[in-house]
Amino acid sequence: MKLISVNTGRPREIEVNGRVVRTSIWKSPRQGRLRVTTLNIEGDEQSDLTVHGGMYKAVYCYPSEHYDYWRRELPRAELPWGAFGENLTTEGLLETDVGIGDRMQIGSAEFLVTQPRQPCFKLGIRFGRDDMIHRFLASGRSGFYVRVVREGAIAAGDAIRCVARAAGSMTVSEIFALYFDDEGRNDDLRRAAAAPGLSPSWKDHFLKRSTH
């Protein structure tokens, strides 16, 4: 497993349908070793902390393996690393294999997987497509957020090492599918809510649904 690219971006304001939107979804690959802190990567900054960032969504990871799929789906789109707003473009970490609560080490930093990505309207802005959120959800290629459990420094080319697997957890793919399944069974919803390391907002979502 390997870190292919480290991508960061500062907020920018763009006009969309007559209104100004502040977004940091445009990320660019960075060279050299960058400092990772509890809430961010050096050179990166979230625009709206109500939906992005914070301890449980400090860093967003997206598998490089998905880019071939998107090149077929969006043949006219430019797709450099970081195109999906990810901080870390990875190799060998697919959502079907990575579990919520898994811990991984990259460089001298350590991370814990907290939740899949739930895309917002800014993804559509990034690609100039009204259907991008639907395409993203339908693809199942969500990527995932991680919490920084040990600060350190990382760089493109670093090995990614799985430090610990979360026992009794669910994969990122399973959690993602269940989140959008209106007919999820109570047993599955309760199991999802109990996934170690799951972000509080997703835990609350599954707990509320499991009571019905």
Protein backbone atom coordinates (compact mmCIF):
# COMPACT_ATOMS: atom_id res chain seq x y z
CA MET A 1 0.00 0.00 0.00
CA LYS A 2 1.31 3.40 -0.94
CA LEU A 3 0.60 7.13 -0.76
CA ILE A 4 0.44 8.33 -4.36
CA SER A 5 -0.15 12.06 -3.82
CA VAL A 6 -0.64 14.60 -1.03
CA ASN A 7 -3.04 17.35 -2.11
CA THR A 8 -3.94 20.61 -0.41
CA GLY A 9 -5.95 23.72 -1.20
CA ARG A 10 -6.97 27.04 0.28
CA PRO A 11 -10.50 28.48 0.17
CA ARG A 12 -11.57 30.31 -2.96
CA GLU A 13 -14.74 32.16 -3.83
CA ILE A 14 -16.52 31.38 -7.08
CA GLU A 15 -19.81 32.61 -8.51
CA VAL A 16 -22.44 29.95 -9.14
CA ASN A 17 -25.91 30.82 -10.44
CA GLY A 18 -25.58 34.40 -9.27
CA ARG A 19 -24.30 33.68 -5.79
CA VAL A 20 -20.81 33.46 -4.34
CA VAL A 21 -19.74 30.10 -2.94
CA ARG A 22 -16.65 29.61 -0.79
CA THR A 23 -14.98 26.25 -1.35
CA SER A 24 -11.70 24.42 -0.86
CA ILE A 25 -12.53 21.46 -3.11
CA TRP A 26 -9.81 22.42 -5.58
CA LYS A 27 -6.69 20.61 -4.35
CA SER A 28 -3.23 20.48 -5.92
CA PRO A 29 -0.49 17.86 -5.46
CA ARG A 30 2.31 18.95 -3.15
CA GLN A 31 5.97 18.05 -3.21
CA GLY A 32 8.11 17.29 -0.20
CA ARG A 33 7.25 16.25 3.32
CA LEU A 34 4.26 18.00 4.90
CA ARG A 35 3.27 18.32 8.54
CA VAL A 36 0.04 16.63 9.62
CA THR A 37 -1.70 18.08 12.68
CA THR A 38 -4.83 17.03 14.53
CA LEU A 39 -7.12 19.09 12.33
CA ASN A 40 -5.30 19.52 9.06
CA ILE A 41 -2.40 19.00 6.67
CA GLU A 42 0.09 21.81 6.21
CA GLY A 43 -1.13 24.08 3.39
CA ASP A 44 -4.75 22.88 3.51
CA GLU A 45 -7.77 24.72 4.87
CA GLN A 46 -11.47 23.83 4.95
CA SER A 47 -14.01 26.45 3.87
CA ASP A 48 -17.09 25.39 5.83
CA LEU A 49 -16.42 23.62 9.12
CA THR A 50 -20.11 22.75 9.55
CA VAL A 51 -19.78 20.06 6.86
CA HIS A 52 -16.03 19.61 6.36
CA GLY A 53 -13.06 19.24 8.65
CA GLY A 54 -13.00 18.85 12.39
CA MET A 55 -11.40 15.99 14.29
CA TYR A 56 -13.35 13.21 12.55
CA LYS A 57 -12.97 14.59 9.03
CA ALA A 58 -9.50 16.07 9.27
CA VAL A 59 -8.14 14.26 6.19
CA TYR A 60 -9.95 12.81 3.17
CA CYS A 61 -8.53 9.78 1.35
CA TYR A 62 -9.47 8.63 -2.15
CA PRO A 63 -8.19 5.50 -3.94
CA SER A 64 -6.16 6.14 -7.08
CA GLU A 65 -7.70 2.96 -8.51
CA HIS A 66 -11.01 4.83 -9.00
CA TYR A 67 -9.54 7.31 -11.46
CA ASP A 68 -9.72 4.87 -14.38
CA TYR A 69 -13.45 4.46 -13.73
CA TRP A 70 -14.00 8.22 -13.71
CA ARG A 71 -11.94 8.71 -16.86
CA ARG A 72 -14.37 6.37 -18.61
CA GLU A 73 -17.40 8.03 -17.04
CA LEU A 74 -16.19 11.60 -17.62
CA PRO A 75 -14.02 11.43 -20.74
CA ARG A 76 -13.84 15.21 -21.17
CA ALA A 77 -12.90 15.97 -17.58
CA GLU A 78 -9.38 16.77 -16.46
CA LEU A 79 -8.57 14.45 -13.59
CA PRO A 80 -5.27 15.25 -11.89
CA TRP A 81 -4.63 13.76 -8.46
CA GLY A 82 -6.79 15.62 -5.96
CA ALA A 83 -9.64 16.12 -8.46
CA PHE A 84 -12.18 14.76 -5.97
CA GLY A 85 -11.02 17.08 -3.22
CA GLU A 86 -9.00 14.38 -1.51
CA ASN A 87 -6.00 15.19 0.63
CA LEU A 88 -4.46 11.76 0.16
CA THR A 89 -4.59 9.82 -3.09
CA THR A 90 -3.84 6.23 -2.11
CA GLU A 91 -2.99 2.88 -3.65
CA GLY A 92 -4.17 -0.41 -2.18
CA LEU A 93 -6.84 0.98 0.16
CA LEU A 94 -10.23 0.19 -1.34
CA GLU A 95 -13.49 0.81 0.49
CA THR A 96 -14.36 -2.89 0.26
CA ASP A 97 -11.27 -3.77 2.33
CA VAL A 98 -10.85 -0.83 4.71
CA GLY A 99 -12.87 -1.01 7.93
CA ILE A 100 -14.25 1.77 10.08
CA GLY A 101 -11.86 2.08 13.02
CA ASP A 102 -8.86 0.65 11.17
CA ARG A 103 -5.61 2.39 12.03
CA MET A 104 -2.87 3.10 9.50
CA GLN A 105 0.55 4.67 9.57
CA ILE A 106 1.90 6.91 6.81
CA GLY A 107 5.30 8.46 7.34
CA SER A 108 5.47 9.38 11.02
CA ALA A 109 1.72 10.12 11.28
CA GLU A 110 -1.02 7.71 12.28
CA PHE A 111 -4.66 7.81 11.19
CA LEU A 112 -7.97 6.14 12.11
CA VAL A 113 -10.78 5.58 9.58
CA THR A 114 -13.97 7.35 10.70
CA GLN A 115 -16.55 7.43 7.88
CA PRO A 116 -17.18 7.40 4.13
CA ARG A 117 -17.61 10.66 2.27
CA GLN A 118 -21.13 11.99 1.82
CA PRO A 119 -20.76 14.40 -1.13
CA CYS A 120 -22.17 17.91 -1.05
CA PHE A 121 -23.17 20.23 -3.90
CA LYS A 122 -19.61 21.53 -4.22
CA LEU A 123 -18.62 18.31 -5.95
CA GLY A 124 -21.01 19.27 -8.73
CA ILE A 125 -19.44 22.73 -8.86
CA ARG A 126 -15.96 21.23 -9.11
CA PHE A 127 -16.92 19.19 -12.18
CA GLY A 128 -19.46 21.61 -13.64
CA ARG A 129 -22.14 18.89 -13.64
CA ASP A 130 -25.52 18.90 -11.91
CA ASP A 131 -25.55 15.09 -11.94
CA MET A 132 -22.18 14.62 -10.23
CA ILE A 133 -23.52 13.90 -6.76
CA HIS A 134 -25.85 11.24 -8.16
CA ARG A 135 -23.01 9.71 -10.18
CA PHE A 136 -20.72 9.71 -7.17
CA LEU A 137 -23.26 8.02 -4.91
CA ALA A 138 -24.25 5.48 -7.55
CA SER A 139 -20.61 4.54 -8.15
CA GLY A 140 -20.08 3.45 -4.55
CA ARG A 141 -16.59 4.96 -4.80
CA SER A 142 -16.87 7.15 -1.74
CA GLY A 143 -13.37 7.34 -0.39
CA PHE A 144 -13.16 7.85 3.36
CA TYR A 145 -12.23 10.30 6.09
CA VAL A 146 -9.63 9.69 8.75
CA ARG A 147 -8.86 11.16 12.14
CA VAL A 148 -5.28 12.04 13.01
CA VAL A 149 -4.36 10.00 16.08
CA ARG A 150 -0.67 10.84 15.95
CA GLU A 151 0.72 13.98 14.38
CA GLY A 152 3.69 13.66 12.08
CA ALA A 153 4.92 14.26 8.53
CA ILE A 154 4.02 12.57 5.25
CA ALA A 155 5.07 12.72 1.60
CA ALA A 156 4.04 11.20 -1.71
CA GLY A 157 5.70 7.83 -2.10
CA ASP A 158 5.42 6.88 1.58
CA ALA A 159 4.35 3.34 2.37
CA ILE A 160 0.96 2.90 4.05
CA ARG A 161 1.01 0.34 6.82
CA CYS A 162 -2.06 -1.06 8.54
CA VAL A 163 -1.34 -0.80 12.26
CA ALA A 164 -4.54 -2.41 13.56
CA ARG A 165 -7.83 -3.75 12.24
CA ALA A 166 -10.98 -2.84 14.15
CA ALA A 167 -12.52 -6.07 15.39
CA GLY A 168 -16.25 -6.52 14.72
CA SER A 169 -16.45 -3.43 12.54
CA MET A 170 -17.88 -2.91 9.04
CA THR A 171 -16.12 -1.89 5.87
CA VAL A 172 -16.38 1.59 4.44
CA SER A 173 -18.43 0.16 1.56
CA GLU A 174 -20.87 -1.59 3.89
CA ILE A 175 -21.40 1.52 6.01
CA PHE A 176 -21.81 3.69 2.91
CA ALA A 177 -24.41 1.37 1.36
CA LEU A 178 -26.36 1.08 4.63
CA TYR A 179 -26.45 4.85 5.09
CA PHE A 180 -28.43 5.24 1.88
CA ASP A 181 -30.52 2.08 2.24
CA ASP A 182 -33.96 3.14 3.52
CA GLU A 183 -34.82 -0.47 4.31
CA GLY A 184 -31.78 -1.31 6.40
CA ARG A 185 -32.45 -3.95 9.06
CA ASN A 186 -32.31 -2.99 12.73
CA ASP A 187 -29.52 -5.50 13.40
CA ASP A 188 -27.37 -3.97 10.68
CA LEU A 189 -28.13 -0.42 11.83
CA ARG A 190 -27.20 -1.22 15.42
CA ARG A 191 -24.02 -2.96 14.29
CA ALA A 192 -23.11 0.07 12.21
CA ALA A 193 -23.73 2.44 15.14
CA ALA A 194 -21.41 0.31 17.27
CA ALA A 195 -18.54 0.40 14.77
CA PRO A 196 -15.46 1.53 16.72
CA GLY A 197 -14.16 4.88 15.62
CA LEU A 198 -17.25 5.84 13.61
CA SER A 199 -17.80 9.61 13.57
CA PRO A 200 -20.53 10.82 15.98
CA SER A 201 -22.80 12.19 13.24
CA TRP A 202 -22.93 8.83 11.44
CA LYS A 203 -23.36 6.98 14.72
CA ASP A 204 -26.35 9.18 15.60
CA HIS A 205 -27.82 8.62 12.13
CA PHE A 206 -27.79 4.84 12.55
CA LEU A 207 -29.02 4.97 16.15
CA LYS A 208 -32.02 7.12 15.22
CA ARG A 209 -32.95 4.84 12.35
CA SER A 210 -32.60 1.67 14.42
CA THR A 211 -35.35 2.78 16.80
CA HIS A 212 -38.05 2.75 14.07
